[in-house]
Protein backbone atom coordinates (compact mmCIF):
# COMPACT_ATOMS: atom_id res chain seq x y z
CA GLU A 1 -28.64 8.79 62.24
CA ILE A 2 -32.15 7.83 61.24
CA LEU A 3 -32.36 5.04 63.85
CA ALA A 4 -30.25 4.97 67.00
CA GLY A 5 -27.95 1.93 67.37
CA ASP A 6 -30.09 0.18 70.02
CA GLU A 7 -33.29 0.85 68.09
CA ARG A 8 -31.74 -0.49 64.86
CA ARG A 9 -30.41 -3.67 66.58
CA ARG A 10 -33.79 -4.32 68.26
CA LEU A 11 -35.67 -3.89 64.98
CA THR A 12 -33.24 -6.19 63.11
CA ALA A 13 -33.56 -8.88 65.82
CA GLU A 14 -37.38 -8.72 65.71
CA ILE A 15 -37.43 -9.13 61.95
CA ARG A 16 -35.02 -12.11 62.09
CA ARG A 17 -37.06 -13.79 64.88
CA SER A 18 -40.26 -13.35 62.86
CA ILE A 19 -38.72 -14.85 59.73
CA ILE A 20 -37.07 -17.78 61.60
CA ALA A 21 -40.30 -18.55 63.50
CA MET A 22 -42.19 -18.82 60.23
CA LYS A 23 -39.76 -21.15 58.40
CA GLY A 24 -41.47 -24.48 57.81
CA ALA A 25 -44.46 -23.54 59.96
CA GLU A 26 -48.02 -23.42 58.77
CA PHE A 27 -49.03 -20.98 61.47
CA ALA A 28 -47.33 -18.03 63.15
CA LEU A 29 -47.86 -16.20 66.38
CA ILE A 30 -48.27 -12.46 66.02
CA ALA A 31 -48.03 -10.21 69.08
CA GLN A 32 -50.72 -7.52 69.22
CA HIS A 33 -50.31 -3.98 70.58
CA ASP A 34 -52.43 -4.81 73.65
CA GLY A 35 -50.09 -7.72 74.60
CA SER A 36 -52.34 -10.54 73.36
CA VAL A 37 -51.13 -13.06 70.78
CA SER A 38 -52.97 -14.09 67.62
CA VAL A 39 -52.44 -17.32 65.71
CA LEU A 40 -52.49 -16.70 61.97
CA GLU A 41 -51.98 -18.85 58.92
CA ARG A 42 -48.36 -18.51 57.74
CA ASN A 43 -49.13 -16.50 54.57
CA ALA A 44 -51.37 -14.07 56.46
CA ALA A 45 -48.67 -13.59 59.09
CA LEU A 46 -46.09 -13.05 56.37
CA THR A 47 -48.34 -10.43 54.77
CA ILE A 48 -48.61 -8.58 58.08
CA ILE A 49 -44.84 -8.71 58.65
CA VAL A 50 -44.08 -7.55 55.10
CA GLY A 51 -46.66 -4.77 55.46
CA SER A 52 -45.04 -3.72 58.74
CA LEU A 53 -41.62 -3.74 57.13
CA LEU A 54 -42.89 -1.60 54.27
CA CYS A 55 -44.32 0.89 56.77
CA ILE A 56 -41.00 0.99 58.61
CA LEU A 57 -39.14 1.50 55.32
CA ALA A 58 -41.51 4.30 54.37
CA VAL A 59 -40.89 6.05 57.71
CA LEU A 60 -37.13 5.59 57.36
CA SER A 61 -37.22 6.88 53.79
CA TYR A 62 -39.22 9.92 54.89
CA ARG A 63 -36.79 10.63 57.74
CA LEU A 64 -33.84 10.29 55.34
CA SER A 65 -35.52 12.58 52.81
CA LEU A 66 -36.14 15.23 55.50
CA ARG A 67 -32.56 14.96 56.71
CA ASN A 68 -31.25 15.37 53.15
CA GLN A 69 -33.53 18.37 52.53
CA ILE A 70 -32.36 20.02 55.75
CA THR A 71 -28.71 19.31 54.88
CA LEU A 72 -29.12 20.75 51.37
CA ARG A 73 -30.98 23.82 52.69
CA LYS A 74 -28.25 24.48 55.26
CA ARG A 75 -25.56 24.08 52.60
CA ASP A 76 -27.41 26.43 50.22
CA GLN A 77 -27.86 29.01 52.99
CA LYS A 78 -24.17 28.78 53.87
CA THR A 79 -23.16 29.21 50.21
CA LEU A 80 -25.53 32.16 49.79
CA LYS A 81 -24.18 33.80 52.96
CA GLN A 82 -20.59 33.33 51.78
CA LEU A 83 -21.45 34.78 48.38
CA LEU A 84 -23.15 37.81 49.93
CA ILE A 85 -20.20 38.44 52.27
CA THR A 86 -17.78 38.12 49.33
CA VAL A 87 -19.73 40.62 47.22
CA GLU A 88 -20.24 42.99 50.15
CA GLN A 89 -16.54 42.99 51.06
CA SER A 90 -15.24 43.18 47.47
CA SER A 91 -13.16 46.21 46.55
CA ASP A 92 -14.87 46.14 43.15
CA LEU A 93 -18.09 48.11 42.84
CA VAL A 94 -21.19 45.92 42.43
CA VAL A 95 -24.56 47.33 41.38
CA VAL A 96 -27.76 45.41 40.56
CA THR A 97 -30.54 47.24 38.73
CA ASP A 98 -33.87 46.16 37.34
CA LYS A 99 -34.48 46.25 33.60
CA SER A 100 -35.32 49.96 33.67
CA GLY A 101 -32.12 50.89 35.52
CA GLN A 102 -33.62 51.30 39.01
CA ILE A 103 -31.01 50.42 41.64
CA GLU A 104 -31.86 47.37 43.77
CA TYR A 105 -28.48 46.59 45.33
CA VAL A 106 -25.10 48.24 45.86
CA ASN A 107 -22.15 46.96 47.87
CA LYS A 108 -20.01 48.94 50.32
CA ALA A 109 -17.46 49.86 47.62
CA VAL A 110 -20.18 51.75 45.71
CA GLU A 111 -20.99 53.79 48.81
CA GLU A 112 -17.32 54.54 49.47
CA VAL A 113 -16.49 55.62 45.90
CA SER A 114 -19.72 57.45 45.01
CA GLY A 115 -20.33 59.08 48.40
CA TYR A 116 -24.00 58.04 48.33
CA THR A 117 -25.39 55.79 51.07
CA ASN A 118 -27.29 52.62 50.32
CA ALA A 119 -30.51 54.32 51.48
CA GLU A 120 -29.95 57.24 49.08
CA LEU A 121 -29.42 54.91 46.12
CA MET A 122 -32.18 52.32 46.56
CA GLY A 123 -34.92 52.81 43.98
CA LYS A 124 -33.04 55.58 42.20
CA ASN A 125 -31.97 55.32 38.57
CA ARG A 126 -28.34 54.76 37.67
CA ASP A 127 -28.47 58.23 36.08
CA ILE A 128 -27.81 59.57 39.59
CA TRP A 129 -24.10 59.10 38.74
CA LYS A 130 -24.34 60.55 35.23
CA SER A 131 -21.28 62.70 34.51
CA GLY A 132 -22.11 64.18 31.12
CA LYS A 133 -18.74 62.90 29.85
CA HIS A 134 -20.14 60.20 27.55
CA GLY A 135 -21.60 60.89 24.14
CA GLU A 136 -24.74 59.31 22.70
CA LYS A 137 -22.62 56.71 20.88
CA PHE A 138 -21.39 55.23 24.19
CA PHE A 139 -24.91 54.74 25.58
CA SER A 140 -26.28 53.52 22.25
CA GLU A 141 -23.56 50.88 21.98
CA MET A 142 -24.16 49.83 25.60
CA GLN A 143 -27.91 49.57 25.05
CA ASP A 144 -27.56 47.55 21.83
CA THR A 145 -25.08 45.13 23.41
CA LEU A 146 -27.16 44.56 26.54
CA SER A 147 -30.41 44.21 24.56
CA ALA A 148 -28.72 41.43 22.58
CA GLY A 149 -28.15 39.66 25.90
CA LEU A 150 -24.39 40.23 25.85
CA PRO A 151 -22.18 41.82 28.50
CA PHE A 152 -20.90 45.33 27.85
CA SER A 153 -17.43 46.41 29.00
CA GLY A 154 -15.80 49.81 28.86
CA LEU A 155 -14.31 52.73 30.73
CA ALA A 156 -17.16 54.60 32.40
CA VAL A 157 -16.98 58.06 33.91
CA TYR A 158 -19.40 58.88 36.73
CA ARG A 159 -20.00 61.81 39.08
CA ALA A 160 -19.86 61.26 42.85
CA LYS A 161 -22.15 62.96 45.35
CA ASN A 162 -19.48 65.58 46.05
CA GLY A 163 -19.31 66.47 42.31
CA LYS A 164 -15.95 64.82 41.64
CA LEU A 165 -15.57 62.39 38.76
CA PHE A 166 -14.69 58.74 39.27
CA TYR A 167 -13.61 56.26 36.59
CA LEU A 168 -14.55 52.60 36.42
CA GLU A 169 -13.38 49.76 34.24
CA GLU A 170 -16.92 48.43 34.16
CA THR A 171 -18.72 45.36 32.90
CA VAL A 172 -22.51 45.31 32.80
CA THR A 173 -24.05 41.85 32.39
CA PRO A 174 -27.71 41.06 31.63
CA PHE A 175 -29.33 38.72 34.15
CA ARG A 176 -31.87 36.32 32.66
CA ASP A 177 -34.82 34.58 34.26
CA GLY A 178 -35.54 31.99 31.60
CA ASP A 179 -35.50 33.81 28.27
CA ALA A 180 -36.28 37.28 29.62
CA ILE A 181 -33.71 39.80 30.82
CA THR A 182 -34.91 40.99 34.23
CA HIS A 183 -31.88 42.71 35.78
CA PHE A 184 -28.43 44.05 35.03
CA ILE A 185 -25.39 43.32 37.18
CA SER A 186 -22.59 45.84 37.01
CA THR A 187 -19.10 45.22 38.35
CA GLY A 188 -16.43 47.86 38.18
CA LYS A 189 -12.85 48.47 39.23
CA ASP A 190 -12.12 51.99 40.42
CA VAL A 191 -9.28 53.35 38.24
CA THR A 192 -9.70 57.01 39.23
CA HIS A 193 -6.25 57.21 40.80
CA GLN A 194 -4.54 55.83 37.69
CA LYS A 195 -6.52 58.23 35.43
CA ASN A 196 -5.57 61.22 37.59
CA LEU A 197 -1.87 60.32 37.35
CA LYS A 198 -1.94 60.62 33.53
């Protein structure tokens, strides 16, 4: 709470006493910080009390604002942590690249399927997985779709570190910061096993 129960009750009682003491009186007694008492004309005393109340309200409002900011920050951090854990533990492959295709993030599934470690992939171009199995039409269609700001979906064939091919049902989505595309987020389901059965 902003004010503890005893503190809140004491403050409320002081305010009530001050208001009751001033009803019908032309003068009011105001206690000073050093323990002395000043006699003030009623309106001047009321101004001091109202000013004090406004200061108290400002402090309470500030404390409430800080508490709300801390609560929101904690909630945002918790949500972000949950999202990161979800992506990291997903069986789907998740890759984030910058606009030029440089890898900035991969989840564990990417490491498991491709055979490359996170350290080996960071800063490399997505071409590291290039299989040579796609014609120019595939990449041209992908580029045109993504440049238009639309997601591209298709069956992609990539080459793992050990030279074996792996197949993904992949969707690549442009990530916008305002109007500009800054990154691409790729999610893919490994369908290599199903392809090998055919």
